[in-house]
Amino acid sequence: MTQKIVIAGSGFAGTWAALSAARAVSLAGRERDVEILVVSPTPHLHIRPRLYETAFEEMAPDLAPLFAAVGVRHLAGVVEAVHTDRHEVEVTGAHGRRSTLPYDRFVLATGSRLFLPDVPGLAEHSFNVDQLASAMTLDAHLRSLAERPETAARNTVVVAGGGFTGIETVTEMPRRLRDILGPDAKIRVVVVEQAPVIGPDLGPVPRPVIESALAECGVEVKTSAGVVAIDADGVTLSSGERIATHTVVWTAGARAHPLAAQIEGEHDRFGRVHADPQLRARSVPDVFVTGDVALAATDDEGHHAAMSCQHALSLGRVAGHNAAAELVGLPTHPYSQPKYVTCLDLGPWGALFTEGWDRQIKLTREVGKATKQAINTQWIYPPQADREAAFAIANPDHVIVP
């Protein structure tokens, strides 16, 4: 009887879970009696770390040839419900038809979603770069500004959220606006952060460099303030200040995909499922969690995986391998990722590369930018549709470190 591994999601974690599971099944010589099925709307990997850029044609590589090369099936659809007591998931297919899939092992790899609080006007009057479609919508809006009469609101962009995504988005914005409105346009670009400092999660070591880069790029920084209302012509801040703008970009935080809430057991404040060292959901047998839906320890020093591509790549490999290993009799592999780096794009200034959880600065400006471009255009992309080449880097202890 064929055993089935169902993987929900084809992002970084889901893609590598599928490749790693296929590798494990192949190692055991069990390809004929273990099926690996990925469920996602389309067989594409959306390169979310690049959505603050504009080369959209490069940001959704097709996974179908790769999946075919390694023997992974893809089902176009969305997992809507998980019934762990029955070992089944409910799937809505591409044409709206609902069906039920049984599983022997289930891997939840549905990623995260932008956190949208109850701010008046947020849904109607803001943009974001969380998904490919929304990034393209923002780009189309920015390009349409050239057709409007010149006003302060037309020429102003406000980015709400001064974390990693907000900083990368806002430092690119002056250049994007000048390309659209002309080099002499009186543009204004503002980043608003509720914390008393910019980049609160990035720590104190790189902050002076970030602040200097923002100033050099022409970005205004407002801290200790949040956006409390948005309308078609501007934003109101918690300080009482109003900024006239037709463009508000929301980047303030992420939460685990809502499907994570259906997995029994403890969740953290971001909605992530507590995972054991093999990335099993601690309270549910036969369910593995990976990527942005997993709260997983990276080391023995109290650090946990961030909601990042860097961690999702390794989390996916480990979860996929272990889901398959349990079925085919191979040893499981504990997740460990003690090496931690960040590479923050800072627009025309360059980029900032740091190492360690205390983020010691290693590379800046042009050298940092070259590293960022290599990460974004090479290292995080899926391999070619070659079985042996994919399996060579799909083992659970393979870690890409710039």
Protein backbone atom coordinates (compact mmCIF):
# COMPACT_ATOMS: atom_id res chain seq x y z
CA MET A 1 0.00 0.00 0.00
CA THR A 2 1.37 3.41 -1.00
CA GLN A 3 2.20 5.74 1.84
CA LYS A 4 1.69 9.47 1.32
CA ILE A 5 3.56 12.56 2.47
CA VAL A 6 1.45 15.69 1.94
CA ILE A 7 3.25 19.04 2.00
CA ALA A 8 1.17 22.22 2.23
CA GLY A 9 2.99 25.09 0.53
CA SER A 10 5.67 25.54 -2.13
CA GLY A 11 7.62 28.40 -0.62
CA PHE A 12 11.23 27.98 0.48
CA ALA A 13 10.41 25.54 3.28
CA GLY A 14 7.85 23.58 1.26
CA THR A 15 10.06 23.28 -1.82
CA TRP A 16 13.05 22.03 0.15
CA ALA A 17 10.90 19.75 2.26
CA ALA A 18 9.73 18.08 -0.95
CA LEU A 19 13.25 17.75 -2.36
CA SER A 20 14.68 16.44 0.90
CA ALA A 21 11.82 13.94 1.32
CA ALA A 22 12.36 12.72 -2.25
CA ARG A 23 16.06 12.27 -1.54
CA ALA A 24 15.36 10.21 1.59
CA VAL A 25 12.86 8.02 -0.23
CA SER A 26 15.39 7.49 -3.03
CA LEU A 27 18.16 6.59 -0.58
CA ALA A 28 15.90 3.92 0.87
CA GLY A 29 14.90 2.64 -2.59
CA ARG A 30 11.24 3.20 -1.78
CA GLU A 31 10.13 5.40 -4.68
CA ARG A 32 7.39 2.97 -5.70
CA ASP A 33 5.60 2.86 -2.36
CA VAL A 34 5.98 6.42 -0.96
CA GLU A 35 4.24 9.31 -2.71
CA ILE A 36 5.24 12.94 -2.07
CA LEU A 37 2.53 15.47 -2.88
CA VAL A 38 2.90 19.27 -2.68
CA VAL A 39 -0.32 21.28 -2.46
CA SER A 40 -0.13 24.96 -3.42
CA PRO A 41 -1.99 27.27 -5.81
CA THR A 42 0.69 26.94 -8.51
CA PRO A 43 4.03 25.12 -8.74
CA HIS A 44 6.04 28.30 -8.33
CA LEU A 45 8.44 29.53 -5.67
CA HIS A 46 7.74 33.20 -4.99
CA ILE A 47 10.99 34.89 -4.02
CA ARG A 48 9.54 37.04 -1.24
CA PRO A 49 12.90 38.47 -0.08
CA ARG A 50 13.06 40.31 -3.42
CA LEU A 51 9.60 41.84 -3.50
CA TYR A 52 10.89 45.31 -2.58
CA GLU A 53 12.58 45.22 -6.02
CA THR A 54 10.94 45.52 -9.45
CA ALA A 55 12.30 42.65 -11.57
CA PHE A 56 9.05 40.73 -11.14
CA GLU A 57 9.64 38.40 -14.09
CA GLU A 58 12.48 36.79 -12.08
CA MET A 59 10.57 36.34 -8.83
CA ALA A 60 8.46 33.22 -9.36
CA PRO A 61 10.55 30.39 -10.83
CA ASP A 62 8.58 27.39 -12.11
CA LEU A 63 9.06 24.31 -9.94
CA ALA A 64 7.18 21.86 -12.18
CA PRO A 65 10.26 20.57 -14.07
CA LEU A 66 12.20 20.21 -10.82
CA PHE A 67 9.41 18.34 -9.07
CA ALA A 68 9.05 16.05 -12.09
CA ALA A 69 12.79 15.35 -12.10
CA VAL A 70 12.79 14.16 -8.47
CA GLY A 71 9.44 12.36 -8.53
CA VAL A 72 7.35 14.86 -6.55
CA ARG A 73 3.71 15.44 -7.52
CA HIS A 74 2.07 18.85 -7.38
CA LEU A 75 -1.62 19.47 -6.79
CA ALA A 76 -2.96 22.93 -7.64
CA GLY A 77 -5.04 23.97 -4.67
CA VAL A 78 -5.08 25.21 -1.10
CA VAL A 79 -5.19 23.18 2.10
CA GLU A 80 -8.18 24.58 3.97
CA ALA A 81 -8.43 22.24 6.96
CA VAL A 82 -6.27 19.71 8.78
CA HIS A 83 -7.93 16.78 10.59
CA THR A 84 -5.07 15.30 12.57
CA ASP A 85 -7.33 12.76 14.28
CA ARG A 86 -8.24 11.25 10.89
CA HIS A 87 -4.90 11.88 9.12
CA GLU A 88 -6.67 13.91 6.44
CA VAL A 89 -6.54 17.37 4.93
CA GLU A 90 -9.28 19.18 3.04
CA VAL A 91 -8.18 20.83 -0.18
CA THR A 92 -9.92 23.36 -2.40
CA GLY A 93 -8.70 22.80 -5.93
CA ALA A 94 -7.96 25.32 -8.65
CA HIS A 95 -11.57 25.20 -9.88
CA GLY A 96 -13.13 25.49 -6.44
CA ARG A 97 -13.81 21.80 -5.96
CA ARG A 98 -13.34 20.54 -2.39
CA SER A 99 -11.69 17.17 -1.79
CA THR A 100 -10.14 15.18 1.05
CA LEU A 101 -6.60 13.80 1.00
CA PRO A 102 -5.32 11.17 3.43
CA TYR A 103 -1.74 11.36 4.65
CA ASP A 104 0.74 9.26 6.56
CA ARG A 105 2.90 12.29 7.27
CA PHE A 106 1.83 15.91 6.88
CA VAL A 107 4.26 18.82 6.52
CA LEU A 108 2.85 22.29 7.18
CA ALA A 109 4.93 24.78 5.17
CA THR A 110 2.42 27.52 4.40
CA GLY A 111 4.66 30.38 5.53
CA SER A 112 3.56 33.68 7.01
CA ARG A 113 1.28 36.56 6.15
CA LEU A 114 1.59 40.27 6.72
CA PHE A 115 -0.02 41.34 10.00
CA LEU A 116 -2.90 43.72 9.28
CA PRO A 117 -4.26 45.26 12.49
CA ASP A 118 -7.56 47.10 12.78
CA VAL A 119 -6.30 50.46 11.55
CA PRO A 120 -8.99 52.59 9.88
CA GLY A 121 -8.38 52.75 6.14
CA LEU A 122 -5.57 50.17 6.13
CA ALA A 123 -7.36 47.70 3.86
CA GLU A 124 -8.67 50.36 1.49
CA HIS A 125 -5.77 52.77 1.19
CA SER A 126 -2.46 50.97 1.76
CA PHE A 127 -0.07 48.84 -0.28
CA ASN A 128 2.44 46.17 0.72
CA VAL A 129 5.20 43.93 -0.62
CA ASP A 130 4.17 40.74 1.17
CA GLN A 131 3.12 38.75 -1.91
CA LEU A 132 4.10 38.99 -5.57
CA ALA A 133 0.68 40.26 -6.64
CA SER A 134 0.70 42.99 -3.99
CA ALA A 135 4.23 44.08 -4.92
CA MET A 136 3.13 44.36 -8.55
CA THR A 137 0.07 46.36 -7.49
CA LEU A 138 2.30 48.80 -5.62
CA ASP A 139 4.58 49.15 -8.62
CA ALA A 140 1.64 49.89 -10.93
CA HIS A 141 0.36 52.49 -8.47
CA LEU A 142 3.76 54.19 -8.25
CA ARG A 143 3.98 54.36 -12.04
CA SER A 144 0.49 55.87 -12.22
CA LEU A 145 1.57 58.78 -10.03
CA ALA A 146 3.21 60.44 -13.04
CA GLU A 147 -0.27 60.94 -14.52
CA ARG A 148 -1.50 62.92 -11.49
CA PRO A 149 -1.10 66.63 -10.87
CA GLU A 150 1.97 67.47 -8.83
CA THR A 151 1.09 67.81 -5.17
CA ALA A 152 2.83 67.06 -1.90
CA ALA A 153 0.61 63.99 -1.49
CA ARG A 154 1.54 62.65 -4.92
CA ASN A 155 5.24 63.10 -4.25
CA THR A 156 5.24 61.55 -0.78
CA VAL A 157 5.58 57.89 0.21
CA VAL A 158 5.13 56.73 3.80
CA VAL A 159 6.41 53.30 4.80
CA ALA A 160 4.79 52.03 8.01
CA GLY A 161 7.19 49.77 9.86
CA GLY A 162 10.92 50.23 10.31
CA GLY A 163 11.97 46.59 10.50
CA PHE A 164 13.96 44.60 7.94
CA THR A 165 11.35 44.76 5.16
CA GLY A 166 10.47 48.37 5.87
CA ILE A 167 14.08 49.49 5.70
CA GLU A 168 14.74 47.63 2.44
CA THR A 169 11.55 49.02 0.93
CA VAL A 170 12.06 52.62 2.00
CA THR A 171 15.71 52.92 0.93
CA GLU A 172 14.74 51.91 -2.62
CA MET A 173 11.82 54.34 -2.73
CA PRO A 174 13.57 57.67 -3.46
CA ARG A 175 15.22 56.18 -6.53
CA ARG A 176 11.96 54.57 -7.69
CA LEU A 177 10.09 57.84 -7.30
CA ARG A 178 12.70 59.86 -9.19
CA ASP A 179 12.70 57.34 -12.03
CA ILE A 180 8.93 57.81 -12.32
CA LEU A 181 8.43 61.51 -11.48
CA GLY A 182 11.69 62.88 -12.81
CA PRO A 183 14.98 63.87 -11.17
CA ASP A 184 13.73 67.33 -10.18
CA ALA A 185 10.53 66.22 -8.44
CA LYS A 186 10.28 67.41 -4.83
CA ILE A 187 9.85 63.95 -3.34
CA ARG A 188 9.46 63.03 0.31
CA VAL A 189 9.99 59.53 1.67
CA VAL A 190 9.17 58.78 5.32
CA VAL A 191 9.52 55.63 7.42
CA VAL A 192 7.41 55.41 10.60
CA GLU A 193 8.37 53.07 13.43
CA GLN A 194 6.49 52.56 16.71
CA ALA A 195 9.65 51.68 18.65
CA PRO A 196 11.93 54.45 19.88
CA VAL A 197 14.63 53.36 17.41
CA ILE A 198 14.72 52.31 13.77
CA GLY A 199 15.25 48.59 13.14
CA PRO A 200 14.42 47.58 16.71
CA ASP A 201 14.94 43.86 16.05
CA LEU A 202 18.26 44.44 14.30
CA GLY A 203 20.03 45.46 17.49
CA PRO A 204 22.30 48.35 18.45
CA VAL A 205 25.49 47.38 16.58
CA PRO A 206 24.34 48.04 12.98
CA ARG A 207 21.94 50.86 13.88
CA PRO A 208 24.32 53.82 13.35
CA VAL A 209 25.17 52.47 9.91
CA ILE A 210 21.49 52.03 9.06
CA GLU A 211 20.65 55.54 10.25
CA SER A 212 23.48 56.99 8.18
CA ALA A 213 22.37 55.06 5.09
CA LEU A 214 18.77 56.21 5.48
CA ALA A 215 19.90 59.82 5.71
CA GLU A 216 22.16 59.44 2.67
CA CYS A 217 19.28 57.95 0.68
CA GLY A 218 17.08 60.91 1.61
CA VAL A 219 14.70 59.05 3.94
CA GLU A 220 12.99 60.80 6.84
CA VAL A 221 12.74 58.69 10.01
CA LYS A 222 9.95 59.04 12.55
CA THR A 223 10.23 56.82 15.63
CA SER A 224 7.99 56.40 18.69
CA ALA A 225 5.03 56.85 16.37
CA GLY A 226 2.58 54.56 14.66
CA VAL A 227 0.04 54.95 11.89
CA VAL A 228 -3.42 55.19 13.46
CA ALA A 229 -5.50 56.07 10.38
CA ILE A 230 -5.13 56.07 6.60
CA ASP A 231 -7.28 57.73 3.96
CA ALA A 232 -6.98 58.46 0.27
CA ASP A 233 -5.01 61.65 0.90
CA GLY A 234 -2.79 60.90 3.86
CA VAL A 235 -1.97 59.22 7.15
CA THR A 236 -2.47 60.23 10.74
CA LEU A 237 0.19 59.25 13.26
CA SER A 238 -0.20 58.43 16.94
CA SER A 239 1.67 61.68 17.67
CA GLY A 240 -1.20 63.59 16.06
CA GLU A 241 0.86 64.53 13.01
CA ARG A 242 -0.75 64.19 9.59
CA ILE A 243 1.28 63.48 6.47
CA ALA A 244 -0.25 64.13 3.06
CA THR A 245 0.38 61.13 0.81
CA HIS A 246 -1.23 58.97 -1.84
CA THR A 247 1.12 56.06 -1.09
CA VAL A 248 1.29 54.20 2.21
CA VAL A 249 3.28 50.95 2.24
CA TRP A 250 2.51 48.69 5.21
CA THR A 251 5.40 46.47 6.38
CA ALA A 252 4.64 46.23 10.11
CA GLY A 253 5.14 42.61 11.08
CA ALA A 254 4.20 39.07 10.08
CA ARG A 255 2.16 36.22 11.54
CA ALA A 256 2.20 32.50 10.83
CA HIS A 257 -0.29 31.35 8.21
CA PRO A 258 -3.76 30.86 9.75
CA LEU A 259 -3.61 27.12 9.04
CA ALA A 260 -1.07 26.83 11.86
CA ALA A 261 -3.87 27.55 14.34
CA GLN A 262 -5.47 24.23 13.36
CA ILE A 263 -2.49 22.27 14.68
CA GLU A 264 -3.11 21.33 18.28
CA GLY A 265 -0.68 22.37 20.99
CA GLU A 266 1.19 25.48 22.06
CA HIS A 267 1.75 28.43 19.72
CA ASP A 268 3.91 31.52 20.19
CA ARG A 269 2.76 35.14 19.89
CA PHE A 270 3.28 35.02 16.13
CA GLY A 271 1.06 31.95 15.78
CA ARG A 272 3.94 29.54 15.18
CA VAL A 273 3.61 25.93 16.31
CA HIS A 274 6.10 24.72 18.92
CA ALA A 275 8.33 22.12 17.24
CA ASP A 276 10.54 19.42 18.69
CA PRO A 277 14.17 19.01 17.48
CA GLN A 278 12.99 16.86 14.54
CA LEU A 279 10.42 19.58 13.67
CA ARG A 280 7.43 17.48 14.66
CA ALA A 281 4.55 19.46 16.08
CA ARG A 282 5.04 18.71 19.77
CA SER A 283 1.40 17.84 20.45
CA VAL A 284 0.49 16.01 17.25
CA PRO A 285 2.04 12.79 15.93
CA ASP A 286 2.80 12.53 12.21
CA VAL A 287 2.66 16.32 11.62
CA PHE A 288 5.81 18.30 10.88
CA VAL A 289 5.99 22.09 10.90
CA THR A 290 8.60 24.08 9.03
CA GLY A 291 9.51 27.55 7.83
CA ASP A 292 7.54 30.50 9.19
CA VAL A 293 4.92 28.31 10.91
CA ALA A 294 7.50 26.61 13.16
CA LEU A 295 8.94 27.80 16.46
CA ALA A 296 12.21 25.88 16.42
CA ALA A 297 15.41 26.23 18.42
CA THR A 298 18.44 26.91 16.23
CA ASP A 299 21.00 26.09 18.94
CA ASP A 300 21.39 25.36 22.65
CA GLU A 301 21.78 29.03 23.58
CA GLY A 302 18.14 30.07 23.47
CA HIS A 303 17.91 31.31 19.88
CA HIS A 304 14.98 30.40 17.64
CA ALA A 305 14.60 30.48 13.89
CA ALA A 306 13.40 33.79 12.54
CA MET A 307 10.67 34.17 9.94
CA SER A 308 13.30 34.32 7.23
CA CYS A 309 14.33 32.67 4.00
CA GLN A 310 17.68 31.83 5.61
CA HIS A 311 16.03 29.64 8.23
CA ALA A 312 13.26 28.30 5.99
CA LEU A 313 15.79 26.71 3.63
CA SER A 314 17.26 24.56 6.41
CA LEU A 315 13.98 24.01 8.25
CA GLY A 316 12.46 22.67 5.04
CA ARG A 317 15.28 20.24 4.40
CA VAL A 318 15.08 18.84 7.93
CA ALA A 319 11.29 18.54 8.07
CA GLY A 320 11.07 16.86 4.67
CA HIS A 321 13.84 14.42 5.43
CA ASN A 322 12.37 13.47 8.80
CA ALA A 323 8.84 13.05 7.46
CA ALA A 324 10.18 10.58 4.89
CA ALA A 325 12.74 8.98 7.19
CA GLU A 326 10.04 7.88 9.60
CA LEU A 327 8.28 6.04 6.78
CA VAL A 328 11.29 4.44 5.10
CA GLY A 329 13.37 3.50 8.12
CA LEU A 330 16.19 6.04 7.87
CA PRO A 331 17.60 7.91 10.90
CA THR A 332 15.93 11.24 11.59
CA HIS A 333 17.99 14.42 11.77
CA PRO A 334 17.68 17.11 14.47
CA TYR A 335 17.40 20.69 13.29
CA SER A 336 20.41 22.87 14.15
CA GLN A 337 21.43 26.15 12.57
CA PRO A 338 23.80 27.99 14.90
CA LYS A 339 25.32 30.14 12.15
CA TYR A 340 23.28 33.30 11.70
CA VAL A 341 23.87 36.14 9.24
CA THR A 342 21.88 39.07 7.94
CA CYS A 343 22.26 41.05 4.74
CA LEU A 344 20.21 44.24 4.67
CA ASP A 345 19.77 46.05 1.36
CA LEU A 346 20.12 49.80 1.80
CA GLY A 347 19.33 51.01 -1.70
CA PRO A 348 21.91 53.20 -3.46
CA TRP A 349 24.03 53.26 -0.26
CA GLY A 350 24.81 49.55 -0.69
CA ALA A 351 24.08 46.76 1.76
CA LEU A 352 25.02 45.76 5.29
CA PHE A 353 26.19 42.20 6.01
CA THR A 354 26.40 41.06 9.63
CA GLU A 355 27.26 37.82 11.43
CA GLY A 356 25.91 36.41 14.67
CA TRP A 357 22.81 37.15 16.71
CA ASP A 358 24.57 40.27 17.97
CA ARG A 359 24.99 41.30 14.31
CA GLN A 360 28.65 42.16 14.08
CA ILE A 361 29.31 44.17 10.92
CA LYS A 362 31.40 42.35 8.31
CA LEU A 363 30.63 43.98 4.94
CA THR A 364 29.19 47.34 3.92
CA ARG A 365 28.42 49.46 0.87
CA GLU A 366 29.40 48.01 -2.53
CA VAL A 367 30.91 44.79 -1.19
CA GLY A 368 27.82 44.20 0.94
CA LYS A 369 25.64 44.98 -2.09
CA ALA A 370 27.44 42.40 -4.22
CA THR A 371 26.83 39.81 -1.51
CA LYS A 372 23.15 40.77 -1.27
CA GLN A 373 22.74 40.48 -5.02
CA ALA A 374 24.37 37.04 -5.02
CA ILE A 375 22.03 35.91 -2.22
CA ASN A 376 18.94 37.31 -3.94
CA THR A 377 19.66 36.12 -7.46
CA GLN A 378 21.60 32.87 -6.96
CA TRP A 379 21.83 31.27 -3.55
CA ILE A 380 18.16 31.26 -2.57
CA TYR A 381 16.87 30.08 -5.95
CA PRO A 382 15.90 26.44 -6.50
CA PRO A 383 18.33 24.19 -8.40
CA GLN A 384 17.93 23.20 -12.03
CA ALA A 385 15.64 20.30 -12.91
CA ASP A 386 18.35 17.69 -12.43
CA ARG A 387 17.71 14.86 -9.98
CA GLU A 388 21.29 14.25 -8.88
CA ALA A 389 22.14 17.94 -8.62
CA ALA A 390 19.03 18.59 -6.50
CA PHE A 391 19.67 15.63 -4.22
CA ALA A 392 23.30 16.71 -3.74
CA ILE A 393 22.12 19.82 -1.86
CA ALA A 394 18.86 18.49 -0.39
CA ASN A 395 20.39 16.63 2.54
CA PRO A 396 19.16 17.85 5.93
CA ASP A 397 22.55 19.13 7.12
CA HIS A 398 23.21 21.24 4.00
CA VAL A 399 23.31 24.91 4.97
CA ILE A 400 23.91 27.82 2.61
CA VAL A 401 26.08 30.39 4.37
CA PRO A 402 27.28 33.43 2.42
